[in-house]
Amino acid sequence: MSYGLNVPALFRRAAELLDKILRGTKPADIPVEQPTTFRLVVNLKTALLRADTVAGTKCEFRLVRVTTAHE
């Protein structure tokens, strides 16, 4: 299991900031930001091997967006 930053979202945000800079905004005028989306990755095979019981016949995992209080 791994919990970390959503790298594609970081690259998109970096591109937006670069666009602002190229359009004339001074880098010092751009506020510092914290990541707002994160990703939880679970190795399904390992999780099933370690599980005591498995309910149902279909396992589904979805990426859930985690937001901070700033959004």
PDB file of N, CA and C in Angstrom:
ATOM      1  N   MET A   1       0.853  -1.159   0.000  1.00  0.00           N
ATOM      2  CA  MET A   1       0.000   0.000   0.000  1.00  0.00           C
ATOM      3  C   MET A   1       0.906   1.231   0.000  1.00  0.00           C
ATOM      4  N   SER A   2       0.505   2.212  -0.748  1.00  0.00           N
ATOM      5  CA  SER A   2       1.277   3.442  -0.858  1.00  0.00           C
ATOM      6  C   SER A   2       0.326   4.631  -0.900  1.00  0.00           C
ATOM      7  N   TYR A   3       0.700   5.687  -0.206  1.00  0.00           N
ATOM      8  CA  TYR A   3      -0.090   6.911  -0.175  1.00  0.00           C
ATOM      9  C   TYR A   3       0.846   8.047  -0.550  1.00  0.00           C
ATOM     10  N   GLY A   4       0.513   8.771  -1.594  1.00  0.00           N
ATOM     11  CA  GLY A   4       1.415   9.828  -2.007  1.00  0.00           C
ATOM     12  C   GLY A   4       0.736  10.855  -2.883  1.00  0.00           C
ATOM     13  N   LEU A   5       1.552  11.703  -3.439  1.00  0.00           N
ATOM     14  CA  LEU A   5       1.062  12.792  -4.276  1.00  0.00           C
ATOM     15  C   LEU A   5       0.545  12.279  -5.607  1.00  0.00           C
ATOM     16  N   ASN A   6      -0.384  12.988  -6.176  1.00  0.00           N
ATOM     17  CA  ASN A   6      -0.894  12.691  -7.500  1.00  0.00           C
ATOM     18  C   ASN A   6       0.008  13.434  -8.492  1.00  0.00           C
ATOM     19  N   VAL A   7       1.008  12.733  -9.027  1.00  0.00           N
ATOM     20  CA  VAL A   7       2.034  13.361  -9.861  1.00  0.00           C
ATOM     21  C   VAL A   7       1.456  14.012 -11.113  1.00  0.00           C
ATOM     22  N   PRO A   8       0.541  13.389 -11.845  1.00  0.00           N
ATOM     23  CA  PRO A   8      -0.021  14.078 -13.010  1.00  0.00           C
ATOM     24  C   PRO A   8      -0.684  15.414 -12.641  1.00  0.00           C
ATOM     25  N   ALA A   9      -1.347  15.476 -11.491  1.00  0.00           N
ATOM     26  CA  ALA A   9      -1.966  16.733 -11.059  1.00  0.00           C
ATOM     27  C   ALA A   9      -0.896  17.783 -10.762  1.00  0.00           C
ATOM     28  N   LEU A  10       0.230  17.356 -10.199  1.00  0.00           N
ATOM     29  CA  LEU A  10       1.327  18.293  -9.940  1.00  0.00           C
ATOM     30  C   LEU A  10       1.897  18.851 -11.234  1.00  0.00           C
ATOM     31  N   PHE A  11       2.059  18.003 -12.243  1.00  0.00           N
ATOM     32  CA  PHE A  11       2.578  18.471 -13.531  1.00  0.00           C
ATOM     33  C   PHE A  11       1.617  19.457 -14.190  1.00  0.00           C
ATOM     34  N   ARG A  12       0.308  19.176 -14.097  1.00  0.00           N
ATOM     35  CA  ARG A  12      -0.678  20.105 -14.665  1.00  0.00           C
ATOM     36  C   ARG A  12      -0.602  21.460 -13.961  1.00  0.00           C
ATOM     37  N   ARG A  13      -0.485  21.426 -12.642  1.00  0.00           N
ATOM     38  CA  ARG A  13      -0.409  22.688 -11.890  1.00  0.00           C
ATOM     39  C   ARG A  13       0.881  23.430 -12.212  1.00  0.00           C
ATOM     40  N   ALA A  14       1.985  22.703 -12.368  1.00  0.00           N
ATOM     41  CA  ALA A  14       3.260  23.337 -12.731  1.00  0.00           C
ATOM     42  C   ALA A  14       3.137  24.021 -14.090  1.00  0.00           C
ATOM     43  N   ALA A  15       2.433  23.393 -15.029  1.00  0.00           N
ATOM     44  CA  ALA A  15       2.237  23.994 -16.354  1.00  0.00           C
ATOM     45  C   ALA A  15       1.411  25.270 -16.248  1.00  0.00           C
ATOM     46  N   GLU A  16       0.405  25.278 -15.379  1.00  0.00           N
ATOM     47  CA  GLU A  16      -0.408  26.480 -15.186  1.00  0.00           C
ATOM     48  C   GLU A  16       0.435  27.617 -14.607  1.00  0.00           C
ATOM     49  N   LEU A  17       1.291  27.295 -13.658  1.00  0.00           N
ATOM     50  CA  LEU A  17       2.147  28.320 -13.060  1.00  0.00           C
ATOM     51  C   LEU A  17       3.165  28.843 -14.074  1.00  0.00           C
ATOM     52  N   LEU A  18       3.711  27.952 -14.887  1.00  0.00           N
ATOM     53  CA  LEU A  18       4.646  28.366 -15.926  1.00  0.00           C
ATOM     54  C   LEU A  18       3.962  29.301 -16.915  1.00  0.00           C
ATOM     55  N   ASP A  19       2.715  29.000 -17.254  1.00  0.00           N
ATOM     56  CA  ASP A  19       1.952  29.862 -18.157  1.00  0.00           C
ATOM     57  C   ASP A  19       1.808  31.265 -17.576  1.00  0.00           C
ATOM     58  N   LYS A  20       1.521  31.351 -16.267  1.00  0.00           N
ATOM     59  CA  LYS A  20       1.409  32.661 -15.623  1.00  0.00           C
ATOM     60  C   LYS A  20       2.725  33.433 -15.718  1.00  0.00           C
ATOM     61  N   ILE A  21       3.836  32.738 -15.470  1.00  0.00           N
ATOM     62  CA  ILE A  21       5.147  33.384 -15.509  1.00  0.00           C
ATOM     63  C   ILE A  21       5.469  33.859 -16.920  1.00  0.00           C
ATOM     64  N   LEU A  22       5.182  33.025 -17.917  1.00  0.00           N
ATOM     65  CA  LEU A  22       5.458  33.407 -19.300  1.00  0.00           C
ATOM     66  C   LEU A  22       4.576  34.566 -19.768  1.00  0.00           C
ATOM     67  N   ARG A  23       3.421  34.739 -19.125  1.00  0.00           N
ATOM     68  CA  ARG A  23       2.529  35.850 -19.475  1.00  0.00           C
ATOM     69  C   ARG A  23       2.865  37.133 -18.705  1.00  0.00           C
ATOM     70  N   GLY A  24       3.927  37.072 -17.870  1.00  0.00           N
ATOM     71  CA  GLY A  24       4.389  38.294 -17.228  1.00  0.00           C
ATOM     72  C   GLY A  24       4.252  38.384 -15.723  1.00  0.00           C
ATOM     73  N   THR A  25       3.614  37.417 -15.085  1.00  0.00           N
ATOM     74  CA  THR A  25       3.505  37.456 -13.629  1.00  0.00           C
ATOM     75  C   THR A  25       4.872  37.200 -13.015  1.00  0.00           C
ATOM     76  N   LYS A  26       5.240  38.002 -12.037  1.00  0.00           N
ATOM     77  CA  LYS A  26       6.522  37.796 -11.366  1.00  0.00           C
ATOM     78  C   LYS A  26       6.419  36.561 -10.475  1.00  0.00           C
ATOM     79  N   PRO A  27       7.426  35.689 -10.505  1.00  0.00           N
ATOM     80  CA  PRO A  27       7.381  34.489  -9.652  1.00  0.00           C
ATOM     81  C   PRO A  27       7.185  34.822  -8.169  1.00  0.00           C
ATOM     82  N   ALA A  28       7.717  35.953  -7.720  1.00  0.00           N
ATOM     83  CA  ALA A  28       7.565  36.345  -6.317  1.00  0.00           C
ATOM     84  C   ALA A  28       6.115  36.676  -5.971  1.00  0.00           C
ATOM     85  N   ASP A  29       5.303  36.984  -6.980  1.00  0.00           N
ATOM     86  CA  ASP A  29       3.897  37.323  -6.742  1.00  0.00           C
ATOM     87  C   ASP A  29       2.983  36.097  -6.724  1.00  0.00           C
ATOM     88  N   ILE A  30       3.528  34.941  -7.038  1.00  0.00           N
ATOM     89  CA  ILE A  30       2.732  33.707  -7.050  1.00  0.00           C
ATOM     90  C   ILE A  30       2.837  33.055  -5.672  1.00  0.00           C
ATOM     91  N   PRO A  31       1.707  32.817  -5.007  1.00  0.00           N
ATOM     92  CA  PRO A  31       1.768  32.239  -3.664  1.00  0.00           C
ATOM     93  C   PRO A  31       2.231  30.779  -3.677  1.00  0.00           C
ATOM     94  N   VAL A  32       2.837  30.383  -2.581  1.00  0.00           N
ATOM     95  CA  VAL A  32       3.254  28.986  -2.406  1.00  0.00           C
ATOM     96  C   VAL A  32       1.993  28.147  -2.210  1.00  0.00           C
ATOM     97  N   GLU A  33       1.950  26.985  -2.848  1.00  0.00           N
ATOM     98  CA  GLU A  33       0.783  26.118  -2.745  1.00  0.00           C
ATOM     99  C   GLU A  33       1.189  24.743  -2.215  1.00  0.00           C
ATOM    100  N   GLN A  34       0.248  24.090  -1.587  1.00  0.00           N
ATOM    101  CA  GLN A  34       0.424  22.716  -1.128  1.00  0.00           C
ATOM    102  C   GLN A  34      -0.366  21.798  -2.058  1.00  0.00           C
ATOM    103  N   PRO A  35       0.073  20.558  -2.238  1.00  0.00           N
ATOM    104  CA  PRO A  35      -0.709  19.619  -3.057  1.00  0.00           C
ATOM    105  C   PRO A  35      -2.109  19.431  -2.458  1.00  0.00           C
ATOM    106  N   THR A  36      -3.086  19.284  -3.330  1.00  0.00           N
ATOM    107  CA  THR A  36      -4.462  19.101  -2.856  1.00  0.00           C
ATOM    108  C   THR A  36      -5.044  17.747  -3.257  1.00  0.00           C
ATOM    109  N   THR A  37      -4.380  17.020  -4.139  1.00  0.00           N
ATOM    110  CA  THR A  37      -4.872  15.689  -4.506  1.00  0.00           C
ATOM    111  C   THR A  37      -3.800  14.662  -4.193  1.00  0.00           C
ATOM    112  N   PHE A  38      -4.247  13.532  -3.689  1.00  0.00           N
ATOM    113  CA  PHE A  38      -3.338  12.464  -3.296  1.00  0.00           C
ATOM    114  C   PHE A  38      -3.830  11.146  -3.882  1.00  0.00           C
ATOM    115  N   ARG A  39      -2.976  10.156  -3.889  1.00  0.00           N
ATOM    116  CA  ARG A  39      -3.323   8.868  -4.477  1.00  0.00           C
ATOM    117  C   ARG A  39      -2.968   7.747  -3.491  1.00  0.00           C
ATOM    118  N   LEU A  40      -3.908   6.841  -3.299  1.00  0.00           N
ATOM    119  CA  LEU A  40      -3.691   5.654  -2.486  1.00  0.00           C
ATOM    120  C   LEU A  40      -3.640   4.472  -3.445  1.00  0.00           C
ATOM    121  N   VAL A  41      -2.551   3.725  -3.396  1.00  0.00           N
ATOM    122  CA  VAL A  41      -2.378   2.576  -4.281  1.00  0.00           C
ATOM    123  C   VAL A  41      -2.313   1.318  -3.428  1.00  0.00           C
ATOM    124  N   VAL A  42      -3.123   0.338  -3.764  1.00  0.00           N
ATOM    125  CA  VAL A  42      -3.163  -0.924  -3.034  1.00  0.00           C
ATOM    126  C   VAL A  42      -2.828  -2.047  -3.999  1.00  0.00           C
ATOM    127  N   ASN A  43      -1.893  -2.905  -3.606  1.00  0.00           N
ATOM    128  CA  ASN A  43      -1.568  -4.094  -4.385  1.00  0.00           C
ATOM    129  C   ASN A  43      -2.672  -5.111  -4.097  1.00  0.00           C
ATOM    130  N   LEU A  44      -3.582  -5.283  -5.048  1.00  0.00           N
ATOM    131  CA  LEU A  44      -4.759  -6.120  -4.840  1.00  0.00           C
ATOM    132  C   LEU A  44      -4.384  -7.565  -4.545  1.00  0.00           C
ATOM    133  N   LYS A  45      -3.410  -8.107  -5.242  1.00  0.00           N
ATOM    134  CA  LYS A  45      -3.014  -9.500  -5.031  1.00  0.00           C
ATOM    135  C   LYS A  45      -2.522  -9.711  -3.599  1.00  0.00           C
ATOM    136  N   THR A  46      -1.673  -8.808  -3.122  1.00  0.00           N
ATOM    137  CA  THR A  46      -1.163  -8.921  -1.757  1.00  0.00           C
ATOM    138  C   THR A  46      -2.281  -8.736  -0.742  1.00  0.00           C
ATOM    139  N   ALA A  47      -3.170  -7.785  -0.985  1.00  0.00           N
ATOM    140  CA  ALA A  47      -4.279  -7.543  -0.069  1.00  0.00           C
ATOM    141  C   ALA A  47      -5.165  -8.773   0.036  1.00  0.00           C
ATOM    142  N   LEU A  48      -5.435  -9.423  -1.075  1.00  0.00           N
ATOM    143  CA  LEU A  48      -6.272 -10.631  -1.047  1.00  0.00           C
ATOM    144  C   LEU A  48      -5.565 -11.785  -0.360  1.00  0.00           C
ATOM    145  N   LEU A  49      -4.264 -11.895  -0.542  1.00  0.00           N
ATOM    146  CA  LEU A  49      -3.516 -12.968   0.114  1.00  0.00           C
ATOM    147  C   LEU A  49      -3.475 -12.786   1.627  1.00  0.00           C
ATOM    148  N   ARG A  50      -3.452 -11.550   2.090  1.00  0.00           N
ATOM    149  CA  ARG A  50      -3.365 -11.272   3.517  1.00  0.00           C
ATOM    150  C   ARG A  50      -4.728 -11.190   4.192  1.00  0.00           C
ATOM    151  N   ALA A  51      -5.799 -11.145   3.416  1.00  0.00           N
ATOM    152  CA  ALA A  51      -7.142 -10.995   3.987  1.00  0.00           C
ATOM    153  C   ALA A  51      -7.584 -12.273   4.681  1.00  0.00           C
ATOM    154  N   ASP A  52      -8.280 -12.110   5.796  1.00  0.00           N
ATOM    155  CA  ASP A  52      -8.853 -13.263   6.486  1.00  0.00           C
ATOM    156  C   ASP A  52     -10.092 -13.759   5.745  1.00  0.00           C
ATOM    157  N   THR A  53     -10.910 -12.831   5.283  1.00  0.00           N
ATOM    158  CA  THR A  53     -12.099 -13.179   4.509  1.00  0.00           C
ATOM    159  C   THR A  53     -12.280 -12.146   3.405  1.00  0.00           C
ATOM    160  N   VAL A  54     -12.927 -12.562   2.339  1.00  0.00           N
ATOM    161  CA  VAL A  54     -13.240 -11.666   1.237  1.00  0.00           C
ATOM    162  C   VAL A  54     -14.745 -11.719   1.039  1.00  0.00           C
ATOM    163  N   ALA A  55     -15.402 -10.570   1.132  1.00  0.00           N
ATOM    164  CA  ALA A  55     -16.853 -10.503   0.978  1.00  0.00           C
ATOM    165  C   ALA A  55     -17.193 -10.212  -0.475  1.00  0.00           C
ATOM    166  N   GLY A  56     -18.173 -10.915  -0.985  1.00  0.00           N
ATOM    167  CA  GLY A  56     -18.622 -10.675  -2.349  1.00  0.00           C
ATOM    168  C   GLY A  56     -17.733 -11.367  -3.368  1.00  0.00           C
ATOM    169  N   THR A  57     -18.086 -11.189  -4.626  1.00  0.00           N
ATOM    170  CA  THR A  57     -17.335 -11.849  -5.691  1.00  0.00           C
ATOM    171  C   THR A  57     -16.571 -10.864  -6.555  1.00  0.00           C
ATOM    172  N   LYS A  58     -16.815  -9.564  -6.366  1.00  0.00           N
ATOM    173  CA  LYS A  58     -16.165  -8.562  -7.203  1.00  0.00           C
ATOM    174  C   LYS A  58     -15.504  -7.514  -6.313  1.00  0.00           C
ATOM    175  N   CYS A  59     -14.238  -7.250  -6.548  1.00  0.00           N
ATOM    176  CA  CYS A  59     -13.529  -6.212  -5.801  1.00  0.00           C
ATOM    177  C   CYS A  59     -13.355  -4.998  -6.701  1.00  0.00           C
ATOM    178  N   GLU A  60     -13.706  -3.849  -6.186  1.00  0.00           N
ATOM    179  CA  GLU A  60     -13.577  -2.609  -6.943  1.00  0.00           C
ATOM    180  C   GLU A  60     -12.833  -1.586  -6.119  1.00  0.00           C
ATOM    181  N   PHE A  61     -11.854  -0.958  -6.734  1.00  0.00           N
ATOM    182  CA  PHE A  61     -11.145   0.135  -6.088  1.00  0.00           C
ATOM    183  C   PHE A  61     -11.257   1.343  -6.991  1.00  0.00           C
ATOM    184  N   ARG A  62     -11.532   2.483  -6.414  1.00  0.00           N
ATOM    185  CA  ARG A  62     -11.646   3.715  -7.182  1.00  0.00           C
ATOM    186  C   ARG A  62     -10.721   4.756  -6.582  1.00  0.00           C
ATOM    187  N   LEU A  63     -10.174   5.594  -7.431  1.00  0.00           N
ATOM    188  CA  LEU A  63      -9.364   6.705  -6.972  1.00  0.00           C
ATOM    189  C   LEU A  63     -10.304   7.768  -6.418  1.00  0.00           C
ATOM    190  N   VAL A  64     -10.082   8.121  -5.177  1.00  0.00           N
ATOM    191  CA  VAL A  64     -10.926   9.109  -4.514  1.00  0.00           C
ATOM    192  C   VAL A  64     -10.110  10.372  -4.322  1.00  0.00           C
ATOM    193  N   ARG A  65     -10.663  11.489  -4.688  1.00  0.00           N
ATOM    194  CA  ARG A  65      -9.963  12.766  -4.554  1.00  0.00           C
ATOM    195  C   ARG A  65     -10.078  13.234  -3.124  1.00  0.00           C
ATOM    196  N   VAL A  66      -8.956  13.525  -2.533  1.00  0.00           N
ATOM    197  CA  VAL A  66      -8.908  14.042  -1.170  1.00  0.00           C
ATOM    198  C   VAL A  66      -8.614  15.525  -1.253  1.00  0.00           C
ATOM    199  N   THR A  67      -9.445  16.320  -0.654  1.00  0.00           N
ATOM    200  CA  THR A  67      -9.247  17.759  -0.728  1.00  0.00           C
ATOM    201  C   THR A  67      -8.870  18.310   0.640  1.00  0.00           C
ATOM    202  N   THR A  68      -8.237  19.456   0.625  1.00  0.00           N
ATOM    203  CA  THR A  68      -7.884  20.124   1.871  1.00  0.00           C
ATOM    204  C   THR A  68      -8.943  21.167   2.181  1.00  0.00           C
ATOM    205  N   ALA A  69      -8.809  21.795   3.316  1.00  0.00           N
ATOM    206  CA  ALA A  69      -9.772  22.811   3.729  1.00  0.00           C
ATOM    207  C   ALA A  69      -9.667  24.064   2.858  1.00  0.00           C
ATOM    208  N   HIS A  70      -8.581  24.215   2.077  1.00  0.00           N
ATOM    209  CA  HIS A  70      -8.373  25.403   1.264  1.00  0.00           C
ATOM    210  C   HIS A  70      -9.221  25.409   0.007  1.00  0.00           C
ATOM    211  N   GLU A  71      -9.770  24.280  -0.388  1.00  0.00           N
ATOM    212  CA  GLU A  71     -10.528  24.225  -1.647  1.00  0.00           C
ATOM    213  C   GLU A  71     -11.973  24.582  -1.435  1.00  0.00           C
TER     214      GLU A  71
END
